[in-house]
Amino acid sequence: MLVIIGSIIVLVSVLGGYVLSHGSIGALWQPYELLIIFGAAIGAFMSANSMDIVKGAARDMAGLFKGPKYKKQDYVDLLSLLYDIFVKMRKDGQLAMEEHIENPENSSLFTAYPRLVAEHHLVDFITDCLRLIVGGSMDPHELEALLDVELETHHHEALAPALAVQKMADALPGFGIVAAVLGIVITMKSIDGDAAVIGEHIAGALVGTFLGILLSYGFIGPLSAAMEARVNADGRAFECVKVGLLANLRGYNPMVAVEFARKSLTSSSRPSFQDLEGHLKAAR
């Protein structure tokens, strides 16, 4: 929603200031300039990126209008799932987790949280970590180093569409200059014509430069930044799992290990201790 509001403010501010300065909105309507700038930018974007990144960019842009992927209740469920796993491992031993790890879709632990079960990447991350703990006999330092590598790889992959869109934003002023140069070429062909016609062509050419800069810094660049911020926010769920599992592996009791995980969340998404405790008591 803020993406839409911000874009409207940019548009109203720029066009409003222009109109109040006695500018004509009609002079800015240059559809062929837009075709050159946007068409070239999209073509270059597709040439520079794989189909996975192109699809990911479209998916991430659409995701901006849905808000954060993981909301506060999702984190309550995630922390509750971690608590259930830690209690199970403490009561029945680590080997008791094998059936839940191999088939989380039918696990009583995981299916208690249907919203999380639908998040396949997150569930795979949890089960892979548990598999290492159960069968790998790894100490906390070794596991932490391995999980850091996995999280870095996952974050780099998730961030690729936003970085690609940012590169397109960086190229838009250049394509605006291309449109302006082509407009000057047209103007030079009419150099012997009426002064009003020449002025109209020059104005159209300058609009190309204006549109390239405005689209870059007013719309596409901020869109890329919003995509990057959403990726960073969504990555907190994986960091939360990592911190909780490492705390459990270091021997902390389930409630303390879950508290470690809760503390890793940002204040905007972190459930309060009372909310989490109340949820856990209600689930018992």
Protein backbone atom coordinates (compact mmCIF):
# COMPACT_ATOMS: atom_id res chain seq x y z
CA MET A 1 0.00 0.00 0.00
CA LEU A 2 2.82 2.43 0.83
CA VAL A 3 4.26 1.79 -2.65
CA ILE A 4 1.03 3.09 -4.21
CA ILE A 5 0.77 6.04 -1.81
CA GLY A 6 4.41 7.01 -2.36
CA SER A 7 4.06 6.81 -6.15
CA ILE A 8 0.94 9.01 -6.05
CA ILE A 9 2.78 11.58 -3.92
CA VAL A 10 5.68 11.63 -6.39
CA LEU A 11 3.33 12.07 -9.34
CA VAL A 12 1.20 14.76 -7.68
CA SER A 13 4.24 16.68 -6.44
CA VAL A 14 6.02 16.70 -9.81
CA LEU A 15 2.99 17.38 -11.98
CA GLY A 16 1.45 19.75 -9.44
CA GLY A 17 4.60 21.86 -9.24
CA TYR A 18 4.83 21.86 -13.04
CA VAL A 19 1.22 22.97 -13.50
CA LEU A 20 1.50 25.63 -10.78
CA SER A 21 4.50 26.98 -12.69
CA HIS A 22 2.13 27.49 -15.65
CA GLY A 23 3.25 24.35 -17.47
CA SER A 24 1.00 22.47 -19.87
CA ILE A 25 0.26 18.82 -19.02
CA GLY A 26 -0.37 18.14 -22.69
CA ALA A 27 3.25 18.92 -23.52
CA LEU A 28 4.37 16.05 -21.28
CA TRP A 29 2.23 13.48 -23.04
CA GLN A 30 4.77 11.86 -25.33
CA PRO A 31 3.67 8.22 -25.85
CA TYR A 32 6.43 7.46 -28.36
CA GLU A 33 9.06 8.65 -25.88
CA LEU A 34 7.56 6.30 -23.30
CA LEU A 35 7.62 3.47 -25.83
CA ILE A 36 11.32 4.03 -26.50
CA ILE A 37 12.27 4.30 -22.82
CA PHE A 38 10.12 1.55 -21.34
CA GLY A 39 10.44 -0.80 -24.31
CA ALA A 40 14.24 -0.54 -24.34
CA ALA A 41 14.46 -0.90 -20.54
CA ILE A 42 12.26 -4.01 -20.45
CA GLY A 43 14.13 -5.54 -23.40
CA ALA A 44 17.48 -4.92 -21.71
CA PHE A 45 16.10 -6.32 -18.43
CA MET A 46 15.06 -9.55 -20.15
CA SER A 47 18.36 -9.83 -22.00
CA ALA A 48 20.38 -9.41 -18.81
CA ASN A 49 18.50 -11.88 -16.59
CA SER A 50 17.37 -15.47 -16.53
CA MET A 51 13.70 -16.40 -16.78
CA ASP A 52 13.69 -17.32 -13.08
CA ILE A 53 14.75 -13.78 -12.14
CA VAL A 54 12.24 -12.22 -14.54
CA LYS A 55 9.43 -14.31 -13.02
CA GLY A 56 10.77 -13.62 -9.53
CA ALA A 57 10.72 -9.88 -10.16
CA ALA A 58 7.07 -10.02 -11.28
CA ARG A 59 6.20 -12.16 -8.25
CA ASP A 60 8.02 -9.89 -5.80
CA MET A 61 6.41 -6.76 -7.26
CA ALA A 62 2.98 -8.32 -6.82
CA GLY A 63 3.95 -9.33 -3.29
CA LEU A 64 4.53 -5.71 -2.30
CA PHE A 65 0.79 -5.10 -2.48
CA LYS A 66 0.09 -7.99 -0.08
CA GLY A 67 2.28 -6.73 2.75
CA PRO A 68 4.89 -8.77 4.65
CA LYS A 69 4.95 -12.49 3.93
CA TYR A 70 5.18 -13.37 7.63
CA LYS A 71 2.95 -11.46 10.01
CA LYS A 72 3.06 -11.43 13.81
CA GLN A 73 0.70 -14.41 14.12
CA ASP A 74 2.91 -16.39 11.74
CA TYR A 75 5.85 -15.78 14.06
CA VAL A 76 3.76 -16.90 17.03
CA ASP A 77 3.06 -20.13 15.13
CA LEU A 78 6.73 -20.52 14.17
CA LEU A 79 7.94 -20.05 17.74
CA SER A 80 5.25 -22.45 18.96
CA LEU A 81 6.37 -25.04 16.40
CA LEU A 82 9.97 -24.70 17.56
CA TYR A 83 8.83 -25.10 21.17
CA ASP A 84 6.89 -28.28 20.29
CA ILE A 85 9.95 -29.68 18.48
CA PHE A 86 12.29 -28.90 21.37
CA VAL A 87 9.93 -30.45 23.94
CA LYS A 88 9.59 -33.57 21.77
CA MET A 89 13.37 -33.89 21.44
CA ARG A 90 13.88 -33.43 25.20
CA LYS A 91 11.17 -35.91 26.25
CA ASP A 92 11.57 -38.64 23.62
CA GLY A 93 15.10 -38.07 22.35
CA GLN A 94 16.41 -36.74 19.05
CA LEU A 95 15.68 -39.96 17.16
CA ALA A 96 11.97 -39.47 17.82
CA MET A 97 12.10 -36.60 15.30
CA GLU A 98 12.99 -38.81 12.33
CA GLU A 99 9.40 -39.56 11.27
CA HIS A 100 8.50 -35.86 11.54
CA ILE A 101 11.56 -34.79 9.56
CA GLU A 102 11.04 -37.21 6.69
CA ASN A 103 7.34 -36.52 6.24
CA PRO A 104 6.43 -33.10 7.66
CA GLU A 105 3.19 -32.94 5.62
CA ASN A 106 1.81 -35.77 7.77
CA SER A 107 3.59 -34.87 11.00
CA SER A 108 1.41 -34.04 13.99
CA LEU A 109 3.96 -31.38 14.97
CA PHE A 110 3.97 -29.55 11.64
CA THR A 111 0.33 -29.99 10.60
CA ALA A 112 -0.76 -28.23 13.80
CA TYR A 113 0.38 -25.07 11.97
CA PRO A 114 -1.12 -25.29 8.45
CA ARG A 115 0.01 -21.79 7.46
CA LEU A 116 3.64 -22.77 8.06
CA VAL A 117 3.34 -26.16 6.35
CA ALA A 118 2.43 -24.30 3.16
CA GLU A 119 5.78 -22.45 3.31
CA HIS A 120 7.88 -25.19 1.69
CA HIS A 121 11.21 -23.33 1.79
CA LEU A 122 10.88 -22.63 5.50
CA VAL A 123 9.77 -26.19 6.31
CA ASP A 124 12.64 -27.61 4.25
CA PHE A 125 15.07 -25.38 6.12
CA ILE A 126 13.73 -26.57 9.49
CA THR A 127 13.78 -30.26 8.55
CA ASP A 128 17.24 -30.03 6.98
CA CYS A 129 18.59 -28.44 10.17
CA LEU A 130 16.93 -31.07 12.34
CA ARG A 131 18.31 -33.81 10.10
CA LEU A 132 21.82 -32.50 10.72
CA ILE A 133 21.20 -32.35 14.46
CA VAL A 134 19.67 -35.82 14.67
CA GLY A 135 22.04 -37.67 12.37
CA GLY A 136 25.07 -35.45 12.05
CA SER A 137 26.33 -35.27 15.63
CA MET A 138 27.42 -31.69 14.95
CA ASP A 139 28.46 -29.28 17.66
CA PRO A 140 26.83 -25.80 17.74
CA HIS A 141 29.80 -24.00 16.14
CA GLU A 142 29.91 -26.37 13.16
CA LEU A 143 26.16 -26.18 12.65
CA GLU A 144 26.16 -22.38 12.93
CA ALA A 145 28.84 -22.06 10.23
CA LEU A 146 26.88 -24.38 7.93
CA LEU A 147 23.59 -22.57 8.50
CA ASP A 148 25.23 -19.18 7.86
CA VAL A 149 26.38 -20.44 4.45
CA GLU A 150 22.89 -21.71 3.63
CA LEU A 151 21.20 -18.50 4.76
CA GLU A 152 23.63 -16.38 2.78
CA THR A 153 22.94 -18.44 -0.35
CA HIS A 154 19.18 -18.24 0.19
CA HIS A 155 19.32 -14.49 0.81
CA HIS A 156 21.44 -13.86 -2.29
CA GLU A 157 18.99 -15.86 -4.42
CA ALA A 158 15.93 -14.12 -2.95
CA LEU A 159 17.53 -10.70 -3.45
CA ALA A 160 18.43 -11.26 -7.13
CA PRO A 161 15.10 -9.94 -8.58
CA ALA A 162 15.31 -6.71 -6.55
CA LEU A 163 18.90 -6.11 -7.65
CA ALA A 164 17.92 -6.75 -11.28
CA VAL A 165 15.09 -4.19 -11.04
CA GLN A 166 17.54 -1.70 -9.50
CA LYS A 167 19.87 -2.14 -12.47
CA MET A 168 16.92 -1.42 -14.78
CA ALA A 169 16.21 1.74 -12.75
CA ASP A 170 19.85 2.78 -13.15
CA ALA A 171 19.55 2.35 -16.94
CA LEU A 172 16.36 4.41 -17.36
CA PRO A 173 18.06 7.86 -17.42
CA GLY A 174 20.32 6.54 -20.19
CA PHE A 175 17.34 5.39 -22.23
CA GLY A 176 15.77 8.80 -21.58
CA ILE A 177 18.82 10.35 -23.23
CA VAL A 178 18.41 7.93 -26.15
CA ALA A 179 14.82 9.12 -26.59
CA ALA A 180 15.96 12.75 -26.33
CA VAL A 181 18.67 12.26 -28.96
CA LEU A 182 16.19 10.66 -31.35
CA GLY A 183 13.89 13.64 -30.71
CA ILE A 184 16.72 16.02 -31.62
CA VAL A 185 17.31 14.03 -34.83
CA ILE A 186 13.66 14.58 -35.74
CA THR A 187 14.02 18.27 -34.87
CA MET A 188 17.04 18.66 -37.15
CA LYS A 189 15.01 17.28 -40.04
CA SER A 190 12.54 20.14 -39.49
CA ILE A 191 15.16 22.85 -38.95
CA ASP A 192 13.89 24.87 -41.93
CA GLY A 193 10.32 24.68 -40.73
CA ASP A 194 8.17 26.92 -38.56
CA ALA A 195 9.67 27.98 -35.22
CA ALA A 196 6.64 26.68 -33.34
CA VAL A 197 7.08 23.21 -34.87
CA ILE A 198 10.78 23.19 -34.03
CA GLY A 199 10.00 24.24 -30.45
CA GLU A 200 7.44 21.44 -30.14
CA HIS A 201 9.99 18.84 -31.29
CA ILE A 202 12.64 20.14 -28.89
CA ALA A 203 10.13 20.06 -26.02
CA GLY A 204 9.27 16.46 -26.88
CA ALA A 205 12.95 15.54 -26.90
CA LEU A 206 13.50 17.12 -23.47
CA VAL A 207 10.48 15.25 -22.12
CA GLY A 208 12.33 12.02 -22.95
CA THR A 209 15.17 12.96 -20.60
CA PHE A 210 12.66 14.05 -17.96
CA LEU A 211 10.71 10.79 -18.15
CA GLY A 212 13.83 8.63 -17.93
CA ILE A 213 15.00 10.39 -14.76
CA LEU A 214 11.53 10.51 -13.17
CA LEU A 215 10.81 6.84 -13.83
CA SER A 216 14.22 5.85 -12.45
CA TYR A 217 14.29 7.85 -9.22
CA GLY A 218 10.59 8.32 -8.62
CA PHE A 219 9.15 4.88 -9.38
CA ILE A 220 11.39 1.95 -10.40
CA GLY A 221 14.24 2.70 -7.97
CA PRO A 222 11.93 2.95 -4.93
CA LEU A 223 10.12 -0.17 -6.14
CA SER A 224 13.42 -2.06 -6.11
CA ALA A 225 14.22 -0.76 -2.61
CA ALA A 226 10.80 -1.92 -1.37
CA MET A 227 11.39 -5.37 -2.88
CA GLU A 228 14.77 -5.58 -1.14
CA ALA A 229 13.26 -4.50 2.20
CA ARG A 230 10.58 -7.20 1.90
CA VAL A 231 13.20 -9.87 1.20
CA ASN A 232 15.17 -8.77 4.26
CA ALA A 233 12.01 -8.84 6.40
CA ASP A 234 10.99 -12.28 5.18
CA GLY A 235 14.48 -13.60 5.88
CA ARG A 236 13.99 -13.01 9.60
CA ALA A 237 11.93 -16.21 9.80
CA PHE A 238 14.94 -18.28 8.72
CA GLU A 239 17.23 -16.41 11.12
CA CYS A 240 14.72 -17.04 13.90
CA VAL A 241 14.79 -20.79 13.22
CA LYS A 242 18.59 -20.81 13.18
CA VAL A 243 18.92 -19.00 16.50
CA GLY A 244 16.35 -21.24 18.18
CA LEU A 245 17.89 -24.50 16.95
CA LEU A 246 21.38 -23.44 17.99
CA ALA A 247 20.15 -22.45 21.46
CA ASN A 248 18.45 -25.83 21.82
CA LEU A 249 21.60 -27.64 20.66
CA ARG A 250 23.61 -25.75 23.27
CA GLY A 251 21.43 -27.33 25.97
CA TYR A 252 18.99 -24.55 26.90
CA ASN A 253 15.53 -25.69 27.95
CA PRO A 254 12.79 -25.34 25.30
CA MET A 255 11.29 -22.12 26.65
CA VAL A 256 14.67 -20.38 26.87
CA ALA A 257 15.67 -21.61 23.39
CA VAL A 258 12.41 -20.21 22.00
CA GLU A 259 13.10 -16.92 23.79
CA PHE A 260 16.46 -16.74 22.00
CA ALA A 261 14.57 -17.17 18.72
CA ARG A 262 11.97 -14.54 19.66
CA LYS A 263 14.67 -12.00 20.49
CA SER A 264 16.12 -12.38 16.97
CA LEU A 265 12.95 -10.86 15.45
CA THR A 266 12.53 -7.16 14.77
CA SER A 267 10.27 -5.12 17.04
CA SER A 268 7.64 -4.69 14.33
CA SER A 269 7.08 -8.43 13.93
CA ARG A 270 8.17 -9.81 17.31
CA PRO A 271 5.28 -11.18 19.42
CA SER A 272 5.41 -10.20 23.06
CA PHE A 273 6.49 -12.74 25.67
CA GLN A 274 2.96 -12.68 27.11
CA ASP A 275 1.36 -13.34 23.69
CA LEU A 276 3.65 -16.30 23.09
CA GLU A 277 3.25 -17.71 26.58
CA GLY A 278 -0.53 -17.39 26.38
CA HIS A 279 -0.55 -19.16 23.02
CA LEU A 280 1.59 -22.01 24.35
CA LYS A 281 -0.59 -22.45 27.43
CA ALA A 282 -3.74 -22.49 25.31
CA ALA A 283 -2.24 -25.16 23.02
CA ARG A 284 -1.38 -27.54 25.90
